């Protein structure tokens, strides 16, 4: 989503996170090379095509999805969705059971406060080639009014769909009906708070952990049947971080950025012995990605940098006005 903080941070730091392509199995850093993909806002690891990640632009000229080979960074297939309206602000993608792709047209870039948003569902193709696939479109409303959101997560076992709204002081996890209706309105209801300005979320392959990321940090939650329990902080690359996906084997959390030639950075998955806060000591912290004294210093340093970027950007904007 276009925000002064995100844009400025992205411009300053894009070069720092441009990394070489690697990892045929999809669990190492790579760079998206397709010049058409300038606003990669969602990321989902394919389960039937090793090393392939699905992504899309924030706002595109059509209803497109791109299959990116993480071993090369190149796009190997472009899907054009039919059966849907003109996308407004596509912010997220997730893969549910039976290799179905779920796409969230749930953002609000222009502050319109849409009375409803859309989800699209389509089968992931068995053959990776440029093709047109008909999708099912679902109308979604929130029980407590309009929301801006960028995080969509489909539970890999139950197939239930969840959205997290995007608010600077933290949002909520919204749960959809057990079965969505393509002909009626699907009402999503808030179930539990999420202590983050969320830009994306992803379930672990076993469905036991929900990872939520923001611009400055992230939080891993024990899914606990939807009654979230905070586990640990997640370190994220600083900048316009818009996407998150687990690697297919669940060992890495893949964190993407917006911008041309954007990087996808692999971090150890939450709960692994190599993750920064594997002990879960951050459970009592209310800060974004909070942890013990060491992690607090890191988060503090990031916050100082981000604050400087914000102040600099705001001063320039005010001068122009």
C-alpha atoms as a PDB file:
ATOM      1  CA  UNK A   1       0.000   0.000   0.000  1.00  0.00           C
ATOM      2  CA  UNK A   2       1.249   3.451  -0.817  1.00  0.00           C
ATOM      3  CA  UNK A   3       2.188   5.209   2.427  1.00  0.00           C
ATOM      4  CA  UNK A   4       4.971   7.784   3.010  1.00  0.00           C
ATOM      5  CA  UNK A   5       6.792   5.495   5.468  1.00  0.00           C
ATOM      6  CA  UNK A   6       6.669   2.508   3.181  1.00  0.00           C
ATOM      7  CA  UNK A   7       7.696   4.379   0.064  1.00  0.00           C
ATOM      8  CA  UNK A   8      10.591   6.239   1.672  1.00  0.00           C
ATOM      9  CA  UNK A   9      11.913   3.193   3.489  1.00  0.00           C
ATOM     10  CA  UNK A  10      11.615   1.132   0.343  1.00  0.00           C
ATOM     11  CA  UNK A  11      13.542   3.672  -1.732  1.00  0.00           C
ATOM     12  CA  UNK A  12      16.330   3.939   0.838  1.00  0.00           C
ATOM     13  CA  UNK A  13      16.750   0.243   1.394  1.00  0.00           C
ATOM     14  CA  UNK A  14      15.843  -1.561  -1.808  1.00  0.00           C
ATOM     15  CA  UNK A  15      19.477  -1.925  -2.804  1.00  0.00           C
ATOM     16  CA  UNK A  16      20.453  -3.399   0.541  1.00  0.00           C
ATOM     17  CA  UNK A  17      18.202  -6.408   0.085  1.00  0.00           C
ATOM     18  CA  UNK A  18      18.792  -7.279  -3.568  1.00  0.00           C
ATOM     19  CA  UNK A  19      20.114 -10.814  -3.354  1.00  0.00           C
ATOM     20  CA  UNK A  20      21.192 -13.487  -5.823  1.00  0.00           C
ATOM     21  CA  UNK A  21      18.684 -16.117  -6.889  1.00  0.00           C
ATOM     22  CA  UNK A  22      19.123 -19.596  -5.465  1.00  0.00           C
ATOM     23  CA  UNK A  23      17.381 -22.628  -3.942  1.00  0.00           C
ATOM     24  CA  UNK A  24      15.553 -24.951  -6.299  1.00  0.00           C
ATOM     25  CA  UNK A  25      13.625 -26.250  -3.287  1.00  0.00           C
ATOM     26  CA  UNK A  26      12.344 -22.789  -2.406  1.00  0.00           C
ATOM     27  CA  UNK A  27      13.863 -22.171   1.011  1.00  0.00           C
ATOM     28  CA  UNK A  28      16.588 -19.611   0.281  1.00  0.00           C
ATOM     29  CA  UNK A  29      16.736 -15.921  -0.644  1.00  0.00           C
ATOM     30  CA  UNK A  30      15.877 -14.920  -4.183  1.00  0.00           C
ATOM     31  CA  UNK A  31      15.137 -11.812  -6.239  1.00  0.00           C
ATOM     32  CA  UNK A  32      12.053 -11.326  -8.423  1.00  0.00           C
ATOM     33  CA  UNK A  33      13.380 -10.298 -11.827  1.00  0.00           C
ATOM     34  CA  UNK A  34      10.225  -9.845 -13.900  1.00  0.00           C
ATOM     35  CA  UNK A  35      10.038  -6.114 -14.808  1.00  0.00           C
ATOM     36  CA  UNK A  36       6.237  -6.369 -14.788  1.00  0.00           C
ATOM     37  CA  UNK A  37       6.261  -7.155 -11.061  1.00  0.00           C
ATOM     38  CA  UNK A  38       6.889  -3.795  -9.420  1.00  0.00           C
ATOM     39  CA  UNK A  39       4.493  -4.057  -6.463  1.00  0.00           C
ATOM     40  CA  UNK A  40       4.716  -7.645  -5.226  1.00  0.00           C
ATOM     41  CA  UNK A  41       2.154  -7.526  -2.426  1.00  0.00           C
ATOM     42  CA  UNK A  42       1.557 -11.210  -1.691  1.00  0.00           C
ATOM     43  CA  UNK A  43       3.492 -14.463  -1.730  1.00  0.00           C
ATOM     44  CA  UNK A  44       2.462 -18.122  -1.596  1.00  0.00           C
ATOM     45  CA  UNK A  45       4.653 -21.202  -1.943  1.00  0.00           C
ATOM     46  CA  UNK A  46       3.388 -23.829  -4.353  1.00  0.00           C
ATOM     47  CA  UNK A  47       3.011 -27.323  -2.927  1.00  0.00           C
ATOM     48  CA  UNK A  48       2.892 -29.149  -6.242  1.00  0.00           C
ATOM     49  CA  UNK A  49       5.637 -27.217  -8.065  1.00  0.00           C
ATOM     50  CA  UNK A  50       8.872 -27.255  -5.987  1.00  0.00           C
ATOM     51  CA  UNK A  51      10.564 -23.882  -5.721  1.00  0.00           C
ATOM     52  CA  UNK A  52       7.671 -21.933  -7.267  1.00  0.00           C
ATOM     53  CA  UNK A  53       6.151 -18.920  -5.531  1.00  0.00           C
ATOM     54  CA  UNK A  54       2.967 -17.184  -6.625  1.00  0.00           C
ATOM     55  CA  UNK A  55       2.789 -13.409  -6.436  1.00  0.00           C
ATOM     56  CA  UNK A  56       0.861 -10.470  -7.894  1.00  0.00           C
ATOM     57  CA  UNK A  57       1.035  -6.712  -8.136  1.00  0.00           C
ATOM     58  CA  UNK A  58      -0.742  -4.396  -5.730  1.00  0.00           C
ATOM     59  CA  UNK A  59      -2.543  -2.654  -8.590  1.00  0.00           C
ATOM     60  CA  UNK A  60      -2.181  -4.160 -12.042  1.00  0.00           C
ATOM     61  CA  UNK A  61      -3.616  -3.645 -15.503  1.00  0.00           C
ATOM     62  CA  UNK A  62      -5.548  -6.895 -15.212  1.00  0.00           C
ATOM     63  CA  UNK A  63      -6.331  -9.894 -13.019  1.00  0.00           C
ATOM     64  CA  UNK A  64      -2.882 -11.470 -13.186  1.00  0.00           C
ATOM     65  CA  UNK A  65      -0.930 -13.934 -11.071  1.00  0.00           C
ATOM     66  CA  UNK A  66       2.740 -14.720 -11.617  1.00  0.00           C
ATOM     67  CA  UNK A  67       4.569 -17.980 -10.908  1.00  0.00           C
ATOM     68  CA  UNK A  68       8.186 -17.166  -9.999  1.00  0.00           C
ATOM     69  CA  UNK A  69      10.919 -19.807  -9.954  1.00  0.00           C
ATOM     70  CA  UNK A  70      12.954 -19.134  -6.818  1.00  0.00           C
ATOM     71  CA  UNK A  71      16.027 -20.807  -8.299  1.00  0.00           C
ATOM     72  CA  UNK A  72      16.278 -18.153 -11.024  1.00  0.00           C
ATOM     73  CA  UNK A  73      13.946 -15.334  -9.983  1.00  0.00           C
ATOM     74  CA  UNK A  74      12.257 -15.577 -13.373  1.00  0.00           C
ATOM     75  CA  UNK A  75       8.524 -15.773 -14.056  1.00  0.00           C
ATOM     76  CA  UNK A  76       7.690 -19.171 -15.552  1.00  0.00           C
ATOM     77  CA  UNK A  77       3.918 -18.708 -15.939  1.00  0.00           C
ATOM     78  CA  UNK A  78       1.377 -15.885 -15.967  1.00  0.00           C
ATOM     79  CA  UNK A  79      -2.217 -16.631 -15.051  1.00  0.00           C
ATOM     80  CA  UNK A  80      -5.035 -14.386 -16.211  1.00  0.00           C
ATOM     81  CA  UNK A  81      -8.112 -14.794 -14.028  1.00  0.00           C
ATOM     82  CA  UNK A  82     -11.534 -14.617 -15.639  1.00  0.00           C
ATOM     83  CA  UNK A  83     -14.939 -14.653 -13.985  1.00  0.00           C
ATOM     84  CA  UNK A  84     -13.994 -11.742 -11.716  1.00  0.00           C
ATOM     85  CA  UNK A  85     -14.576  -8.014 -11.862  1.00  0.00           C
ATOM     86  CA  UNK A  86     -11.854  -5.437 -12.384  1.00  0.00           C
ATOM     87  CA  UNK A  87      -9.470  -5.808  -9.419  1.00  0.00           C
ATOM     88  CA  UNK A  88      -9.171  -2.745  -7.187  1.00  0.00           C
ATOM     89  CA  UNK A  89      -6.323  -3.399  -4.732  1.00  0.00           C
ATOM     90  CA  UNK A  90      -5.043  -6.981  -4.650  1.00  0.00           C
ATOM     91  CA  UNK A  91      -2.985  -7.355  -1.487  1.00  0.00           C
ATOM     92  CA  UNK A  92      -2.591 -11.041  -0.631  1.00  0.00           C
ATOM     93  CA  UNK A  93      -2.464 -14.608  -1.896  1.00  0.00           C
ATOM     94  CA  UNK A  94      -2.653 -17.907  -0.059  1.00  0.00           C
ATOM     95  CA  UNK A  95      -2.879 -21.605  -0.914  1.00  0.00           C
ATOM     96  CA  UNK A  96      -5.543 -23.708   0.748  1.00  0.00           C
ATOM     97  CA  UNK A  97      -6.256 -27.434   0.718  1.00  0.00           C
ATOM     98  CA  UNK A  98      -6.334 -29.225  -2.632  1.00  0.00           C
ATOM     99  CA  UNK A  99      -3.841 -26.735  -4.101  1.00  0.00           C
ATOM    100  CA  UNK A 100      -6.406 -23.973  -4.484  1.00  0.00           C
ATOM    101  CA  UNK A 101      -5.166 -20.418  -4.853  1.00  0.00           C
ATOM    102  CA  UNK A 102      -6.969 -17.744  -2.845  1.00  0.00           C
ATOM    103  CA  UNK A 103      -6.447 -14.113  -3.816  1.00  0.00           C
ATOM    104  CA  UNK A 104      -7.415 -11.191  -1.599  1.00  0.00           C
ATOM    105  CA  UNK A 105      -8.657  -8.025  -3.333  1.00  0.00           C
ATOM    106  CA  UNK A 106      -8.968  -6.541   0.145  1.00  0.00           C
ATOM    107  CA  UNK A 107      -6.881  -3.351   0.193  1.00  0.00           C
ATOM    108  CA  UNK A 108      -7.879   0.285   0.201  1.00  0.00           C
ATOM    109  CA  UNK A 109      -5.003   2.199  -1.370  1.00  0.00           C
ATOM    110  CA  UNK A 110      -7.063   5.293  -2.035  1.00  0.00           C
ATOM    111  CA  UNK A 111      -8.971   5.487   1.246  1.00  0.00           C
ATOM    112  CA  UNK A 112     -12.317   4.868  -0.444  1.00  0.00           C
ATOM    113  CA  UNK A 113     -13.702   2.719   2.399  1.00  0.00           C
ATOM    114  CA  UNK A 114     -15.228   0.098   0.120  1.00  0.00           C
ATOM    115  CA  UNK A 115     -18.548  -1.267   1.452  1.00  0.00           C
ATOM    116  CA  UNK A 116     -17.342  -4.725   0.420  1.00  0.00           C
ATOM    117  CA  UNK A 117     -14.185  -6.415  -0.835  1.00  0.00           C
ATOM    118  CA  UNK A 118     -13.526  -9.518  -2.921  1.00  0.00           C
ATOM    119  CA  UNK A 119     -11.820 -12.872  -2.652  1.00  0.00           C
ATOM    120  CA  UNK A 120     -10.983 -14.978  -5.695  1.00  0.00           C
ATOM    121  CA  UNK A 121     -10.497 -18.755  -5.646  1.00  0.00           C
ATOM    122  CA  UNK A 122      -9.035 -20.827  -8.467  1.00  0.00           C
ATOM    123  CA  UNK A 123      -7.244 -24.151  -8.890  1.00  0.00           C
ATOM    124  CA  UNK A 124      -3.479 -23.994  -9.095  1.00  0.00           C
ATOM    125  CA  UNK A 125      -2.620 -25.256 -12.596  1.00  0.00           C
ATOM    126  CA  UNK A 126      -0.842 -28.594 -12.868  1.00  0.00           C
ATOM    127  CA  UNK A 127       1.204 -27.291 -15.786  1.00  0.00           C
ATOM    128  CA  UNK A 128       3.131 -24.049 -15.521  1.00  0.00           C
ATOM    129  CA  UNK A 129       2.499 -22.035 -18.673  1.00  0.00           C
ATOM    130  CA  UNK A 130       0.783 -18.796 -19.601  1.00  0.00           C
ATOM    131  CA  UNK A 131      -2.936 -19.507 -19.474  1.00  0.00           C
ATOM    132  CA  UNK A 132      -6.382 -18.219 -18.553  1.00  0.00           C
ATOM    133  CA  UNK A 133      -8.208 -19.765 -15.594  1.00  0.00           C
ATOM    134  CA  UNK A 134     -11.728 -19.078 -14.444  1.00  0.00           C
ATOM    135  CA  UNK A 135     -11.928 -18.047 -10.780  1.00  0.00           C
ATOM    136  CA  UNK A 136     -14.804 -17.964  -8.311  1.00  0.00           C
ATOM    137  CA  UNK A 137     -15.434 -14.521  -6.835  1.00  0.00           C
ATOM    138  CA  UNK A 138     -16.715 -14.004  -3.282  1.00  0.00           C
ATOM    139  CA  UNK A 139     -18.151 -10.802  -1.845  1.00  0.00           C
ATOM    140  CA  UNK A 140     -16.876 -10.082   1.670  1.00  0.00           C
ATOM    141  CA  UNK A 141     -18.127  -7.624   4.290  1.00  0.00           C
ATOM    142  CA  UNK A 142     -16.923  -7.094   7.852  1.00  0.00           C
ATOM    143  CA  UNK A 143     -19.391  -7.308  10.707  1.00  0.00           C
ATOM    144  CA  UNK A 144     -18.054  -4.092  12.267  1.00  0.00           C
ATOM    145  CA  UNK A 145     -17.748  -1.851   9.218  1.00  0.00           C
ATOM    146  CA  UNK A 146     -15.278  -1.142   6.444  1.00  0.00           C
ATOM    147  CA  UNK A 147     -11.655  -2.143   6.835  1.00  0.00           C
ATOM    148  CA  UNK A 148      -8.354  -1.761   5.040  1.00  0.00           C
ATOM    149  CA  UNK A 149      -6.543  -5.096   4.986  1.00  0.00           C
ATOM    150  CA  UNK A 150      -3.488  -6.659   3.386  1.00  0.00           C
ATOM    151  CA  UNK A 151      -3.299 -10.045   5.152  1.00  0.00           C
ATOM    152  CA  UNK A 152      -5.086 -13.166   3.944  1.00  0.00           C
ATOM    153  CA  UNK A 153      -4.443 -16.642   5.355  1.00  0.00           C
ATOM    154  CA  UNK A 154      -6.224 -19.879   4.454  1.00  0.00           C
ATOM    155  CA  UNK A 155      -5.834 -22.693   6.952  1.00  0.00           C
ATOM    156  CA  UNK A 156      -4.034 -25.563   5.204  1.00  0.00           C
ATOM    157  CA  UNK A 157      -6.105 -28.249   6.966  1.00  0.00           C
ATOM    158  CA  UNK A 158      -9.609 -26.816   7.380  1.00  0.00           C
ATOM    159  CA  UNK A 159      -9.638 -24.451   4.388  1.00  0.00           C
ATOM    160  CA  UNK A 160     -11.191 -21.699   6.481  1.00  0.00           C
ATOM    161  CA  UNK A 161     -10.351 -18.190   5.325  1.00  0.00           C
ATOM    162  CA  UNK A 162      -9.031 -15.442   7.607  1.00  0.00           C
ATOM    163  CA  UNK A 163      -8.243 -11.744   7.087  1.00  0.00           C
ATOM    164  CA  UNK A 164      -6.295  -9.393   9.357  1.00  0.00           C
ATOM    165  CA  UNK A 165      -7.104  -5.704   9.068  1.00  0.00           C
ATOM    166  CA  UNK A 166      -4.304  -3.150   8.857  1.00  0.00           C
ATOM    167  CA  UNK A 167      -4.199  -0.576  11.651  1.00  0.00           C
ATOM    168  CA  UNK A 168      -1.156   1.185  13.063  1.00  0.00           C
ATOM    169  CA  UNK A 169      -2.101   0.388  16.656  1.00  0.00           C
ATOM    170  CA  UNK A 170      -2.945  -3.246  15.888  1.00  0.00           C
ATOM    171  CA  UNK A 171      -5.863  -4.955  14.232  1.00  0.00           C
ATOM    172  CA  UNK A 172      -7.942  -8.108  14.554  1.00  0.00           C
ATOM    173  CA  UNK A 173      -8.122 -11.541  13.059  1.00  0.00           C
ATOM    174  CA  UNK A 174     -11.360 -11.838  11.092  1.00  0.00           C
ATOM    175  CA  UNK A 175     -12.873 -15.261  10.524  1.00  0.00           C
ATOM    176  CA  UNK A 176     -14.980 -16.066   7.507  1.00  0.00           C
ATOM    177  CA  UNK A 177     -17.890 -18.521   7.353  1.00  0.00           C
ATOM    178  CA  UNK A 178     -16.994 -22.210   7.380  1.00  0.00           C
ATOM    179  CA  UNK A 179     -18.050 -22.321   3.733  1.00  0.00           C
ATOM    180  CA  UNK A 180     -18.087 -19.214   1.580  1.00  0.00           C
ATOM    181  CA  UNK A 181     -21.009 -18.484  -0.712  1.00  0.00           C
ATOM    182  CA  UNK A 182     -20.275 -17.305  -4.273  1.00  0.00           C
ATOM    183  CA  UNK A 183     -23.804 -15.908  -4.632  1.00  0.00           C
ATOM    184  CA  UNK A 184     -24.348 -14.088  -1.342  1.00  0.00           C
ATOM    185  CA  UNK A 185     -22.411 -11.800   0.984  1.00  0.00           C
ATOM    186  CA  UNK A 186     -19.882 -13.435   3.278  1.00  0.00           C
ATOM    187  CA  UNK A 187     -19.603 -11.713   6.649  1.00  0.00           C
ATOM    188  CA  UNK A 188     -16.217 -11.886   8.382  1.00  0.00           C
ATOM    189  CA  UNK A 189     -16.215 -11.385  12.158  1.00  0.00           C
ATOM    190  CA  UNK A 190     -13.360 -10.288  14.457  1.00  0.00           C
ATOM    191  CA  UNK A 191     -12.238 -13.052  16.793  1.00  0.00           C
ATOM    192  CA  UNK A 192      -9.002 -11.981  18.491  1.00  0.00           C
ATOM    193  CA  UNK A 193      -6.621  -8.982  18.520  1.00  0.00           C
ATOM    194  CA  UNK A 194      -3.381  -8.953  16.535  1.00  0.00           C
ATOM    195  CA  UNK A 195      -0.716  -6.699  18.039  1.00  0.00           C
ATOM    196  CA  UNK A 196       0.750  -5.500  14.767  1.00  0.00           C
ATOM    197  CA  UNK A 197       0.345  -3.100  11.867  1.00  0.00           C
ATOM    198  CA  UNK A 198      -0.061  -6.131   9.637  1.00  0.00           C
ATOM    199  CA  UNK A 199       0.931  -6.243   5.971  1.00  0.00           C
ATOM    200  CA  UNK A 200       0.659 -10.023   5.464  1.00  0.00           C
ATOM    201  CA  UNK A 201       0.202 -13.326   7.256  1.00  0.00           C
ATOM    202  CA  UNK A 202       0.792 -17.013   6.570  1.00  0.00           C
ATOM    203  CA  UNK A 203       0.037 -20.355   8.180  1.00  0.00           C
ATOM    204  CA  UNK A 204       2.793 -22.899   8.682  1.00  0.00           C
ATOM    205  CA  UNK A 205       2.288 -26.010   6.492  1.00  0.00           C
ATOM    206  CA  UNK A 206       0.968 -27.979   9.475  1.00  0.00           C
ATOM    207  CA  UNK A 207      -1.458 -25.193  10.385  1.00  0.00           C
ATOM    208  CA  UNK A 208      -0.152 -24.895  13.947  1.00  0.00           C
ATOM    209  CA  UNK A 209       1.485 -21.464  13.662  1.00  0.00           C
ATOM    210  CA  UNK A 210       0.286 -18.174  12.201  1.00  0.00           C
ATOM    211  CA  UNK A 211       3.072 -15.751  11.252  1.00  0.00           C
ATOM    212  CA  UNK A 212       2.080 -12.079  10.887  1.00  0.00           C
ATOM    213  CA  UNK A 213       4.466  -9.479   9.501  1.00  0.00           C
ATOM    214  CA  UNK A 214       4.570  -5.707   9.341  1.00  0.00           C
ATOM    215  CA  UNK A 215       7.037  -3.063   8.146  1.00  0.00           C
ATOM    216  CA  UNK A 216       9.130  -3.055  11.328  1.00  0.00           C
ATOM    217  CA  UNK A 217       8.690  -6.541  12.734  1.00  0.00           C
ATOM    218  CA  UNK A 218       6.495  -9.563  13.026  1.00  0.00           C
ATOM    219  CA  UNK A 219       4.873 -11.914  15.506  1.00  0.00           C
ATOM    220  CA  UNK A 220       4.460 -15.682  15.461  1.00  0.00           C
ATOM    221  CA  UNK A 221       1.301 -16.993  17.122  1.00  0.00           C
ATOM    222  CA  UNK A 222       0.387 -20.473  18.263  1.00  0.00           C
ATOM    223  CA  UNK A 223      -2.799 -21.016  16.263  1.00  0.00           C
ATOM    224  CA  UNK A 224      -4.513 -22.741  19.187  1.00  0.00           C
ATOM    225  CA  UNK A 225      -7.743 -23.336  17.292  1.00  0.00           C
ATOM    226  CA  UNK A 226      -7.970 -19.659  16.391  1.00  0.00           C
ATOM    227  CA  UNK A 227      -7.436 -18.430  19.965  1.00  0.00           C
ATOM    228  CA  UNK A 228      -4.058 -16.905  19.262  1.00  0.00           C
ATOM    229  CA  UNK A 229      -1.214 -17.292  21.750  1.00  0.00           C
ATOM    230  CA  UNK A 230       1.856 -15.165  21.150  1.00  0.00           C
ATOM    231  CA  UNK A 231       4.999 -17.251  20.676  1.00  0.00           C
ATOM    232  CA  UNK A 232       7.888 -15.050  19.592  1.00  0.00           C
ATOM    233  CA  UNK A 233       9.013 -12.078  17.557  1.00  0.00           C
ATOM    234  CA  UNK A 234       9.911 -12.287  13.870  1.00  0.00           C
ATOM    235  CA  UNK A 235      12.748 -10.258  12.385  1.00  0.00           C
ATOM    236  CA  UNK A 236      11.894  -8.690   9.027  1.00  0.00           C
ATOM    237  CA  UNK A 237      13.917  -6.735   6.454  1.00  0.00           C
ATOM    238  CA  UNK A 238      13.327  -3.018   6.936  1.00  0.00           C
ATOM    239  CA  UNK A 239      11.507  -1.334   4.089  1.00  0.00           C
ATOM    240  CA  UNK A 240       8.227  -1.721   2.250  1.00  0.00           C
ATOM    241  CA  UNK A 241       7.663  -5.305   3.382  1.00  0.00           C
ATOM    242  CA  UNK A 242       4.379  -6.490   1.942  1.00  0.00           C
ATOM    243  CA  UNK A 243       4.402 -10.284   1.788  1.00  0.00           C
ATOM    244  CA  UNK A 244       5.049 -13.470   3.755  1.00  0.00           C
ATOM    245  CA  UNK A 245       4.913 -17.194   3.069  1.00  0.00           C
ATOM    246  CA  UNK A 246       6.359 -20.298   4.631  1.00  0.00           C
ATOM    247  CA  UNK A 247       8.692 -22.315   2.455  1.00  0.00           C
ATOM    248  CA  UNK A 248       7.116 -25.590   1.268  1.00  0.00           C
ATOM    249  CA  UNK A 249       9.011 -27.626   3.878  1.00  0.00           C
ATOM    250  CA  UNK A 250       8.132 -25.194   6.667  1.00  0.00           C
ATOM    251  CA  UNK A 251      11.740 -24.533   7.670  1.00  0.00           C
ATOM    252  CA  UNK A 252      11.822 -20.919   6.478  1.00  0.00           C
ATOM    253  CA  UNK A 253       9.612 -17.879   6.535  1.00  0.00           C
ATOM    254  CA  UNK A 254       9.914 -16.097   3.189  1.00  0.00           C
ATOM    255  CA  UNK A 255       9.565 -12.313   3.490  1.00  0.00           C
ATOM    256  CA  UNK A 256       9.031 -10.246   0.357  1.00  0.00           C
ATOM    257  CA  UNK A 257       9.365  -6.579  -0.497  1.00  0.00           C
ATOM    258  CA  UNK A 258       7.709  -4.242  -2.965  1.00  0.00           C
ATOM    259  CA  UNK A 259       9.559  -2.505  -5.783  1.00  0.00           C
ATOM    260  CA  UNK A 260      11.189  -3.449  -9.059  1.00  0.00           C
ATOM    261  CA  UNK A 261      13.742  -6.238  -8.667  1.00  0.00           C
ATOM    262  CA  UNK A 262      12.433  -6.906  -5.162  1.00  0.00           C
ATOM    263  CA  UNK A 263      14.046  -9.399  -2.817  1.00  0.00           C
ATOM    264  CA  UNK A 264      12.497 -12.291  -0.951  1.00  0.00           C
ATOM    265  CA  UNK A 265      14.476 -12.974   2.221  1.00  0.00           C
ATOM    266  CA  UNK A 266      14.431 -16.373   3.962  1.00  0.00           C
ATOM    267  CA  UNK A 267      14.373 -16.294   7.769  1.00  0.00           C
ATOM    268  CA  UNK A 268      14.377 -19.345  10.037  1.00  0.00           C
ATOM    269  CA  UNK A 269      10.798 -20.350  10.695  1.00  0.00           C
ATOM    270  CA  UNK A 270       9.315 -19.399  14.065  1.00  0.00           C
ATOM    271  CA  UNK A 271       9.885 -22.053  16.698  1.00  0.00           C
ATOM    272  CA  UNK A 272      13.044 -23.445  15.092  1.00  0.00           C
ATOM    273  CA  UNK A 273      16.178 -23.704  17.198  1.00  0.00           C
ATOM    274  CA  UNK A 274      17.877 -21.164  14.934  1.00  0.00           C
ATOM    275  CA  UNK A 275      15.152 -18.505  15.098  1.00  0.00           C
ATOM    276  CA  UNK A 276      16.089 -15.341  17.057  1.00  0.00           C
ATOM    277  CA  UNK A 277      13.544 -15.922  19.829  1.00  0.00           C
ATOM    278  CA  UNK A 278      12.989 -19.656  19.748  1.00  0.00           C
ATOM    279  CA  UNK A 279      12.342 -19.624  23.494  1.00  0.00           C
ATOM    280  CA  UNK A 280       9.239 -17.468  22.984  1.00  0.00           C
ATOM    281  CA  UNK A 281      10.418 -14.942  25.560  1.00  0.00           C
ATOM    282  CA  UNK A 282       8.592 -12.139  23.755  1.00  0.00           C
ATOM    283  CA  UNK A 283       5.131 -13.366  24.701  1.00  0.00           C
ATOM    284  CA  UNK A 284       4.625 -10.640  27.290  1.00  0.00           C
ATOM    285  CA  UNK A 285       5.774  -7.761  25.101  1.00  0.00           C
ATOM    286  CA  UNK A 286       3.216  -5.561  23.392  1.00  0.00           C
ATOM    287  CA  UNK A 287       5.707  -4.120  20.926  1.00  0.00           C
ATOM    288  CA  UNK A 288       5.885  -5.133  17.323  1.00  0.00           C
ATOM    289  CA  UNK A 289       8.259  -8.089  17.265  1.00  0.00           C
ATOM    290  CA  UNK A 290       9.218  -7.475  20.913  1.00  0.00           C
ATOM    291  CA  UNK A 291      11.575  -9.714  22.875  1.00  0.00           C
ATOM    292  CA  UNK A 292      14.160  -9.679  25.647  1.00  0.00           C
ATOM    293  CA  UNK A 293      16.759  -6.950  26.279  1.00  0.00           C
ATOM    294  CA  UNK A 294      18.818  -7.797  23.188  1.00  0.00           C
ATOM    295  CA  UNK A 295      15.821  -7.832  20.868  1.00  0.00           C
ATOM    296  CA  UNK A 296      14.451  -4.666  22.475  1.00  0.00           C
ATOM    297  CA  UNK A 297      17.671  -2.876  21.496  1.00  0.00           C
ATOM    298  CA  UNK A 298      17.350  -4.116  17.932  1.00  0.00           C
ATOM    299  CA  UNK A 299      13.706  -3.105  17.712  1.00  0.00           C
ATOM    300  CA  UNK A 300      14.562   0.256  19.292  1.00  0.00           C
ATOM    301  CA  UNK A 301      17.250   0.892  16.707  1.00  0.00           C
ATOM    302  CA  UNK A 302      14.840   0.022  13.911  1.00  0.00           C
ATOM    303  CA  UNK A 303      12.212   2.319  15.416  1.00  0.00           C
ATOM    304  CA  UNK A 304      14.684   5.220  15.556  1.00  0.00           C
ATOM    305  CA  UNK A 305      15.598   4.720  11.899  1.00  0.00           C
ATOM    306  CA  UNK A 306      11.949   4.466  10.902  1.00  0.00           C
ATOM    307  CA  UNK A 307      11.061   7.574  12.914  1.00  0.00           C
ATOM    308  CA  UNK A 308      13.781   9.551  11.158  1.00  0.00           C
ATOM    309  CA  UNK A 309      12.478   8.387   7.795  1.00  0.00           C
ATOM    310  CA  UNK A 310       8.920   9.369   8.740  1.00  0.00           C
ATOM    311  CA  UNK A 311       9.917  12.818  10.020  1.00  0.00           C
ATOM    312  CA  UNK A 312      12.036  13.497   6.958  1.00  0.00           C
ATOM    313  CA  UNK A 313       9.199  12.423   4.658  1.00  0.00           C
ATOM    314  CA  UNK A 314       6.560  14.427   6.491  1.00  0.00           C
ATOM    315  CA  UNK A 315       8.675  17.562   6.481  1.00  0.00           C
ATOM    316  CA  UNK A 316       9.146  17.309   2.734  1.00  0.00           C
ATOM    317  CA  UNK A 317       5.435  16.701   2.190  1.00  0.00           C
ATOM    318  CA  UNK A 318       4.486  19.674   4.353  1.00  0.00           C
ATOM    319  CA  UNK A 319       6.927  21.922   2.519  1.00  0.00           C
ATOM    320  CA  UNK A 320       5.416  20.927  -0.808  1.00  0.00           C
ATOM    321  CA  UNK A 321       1.964  21.794   0.468  1.00  0.00           C
END
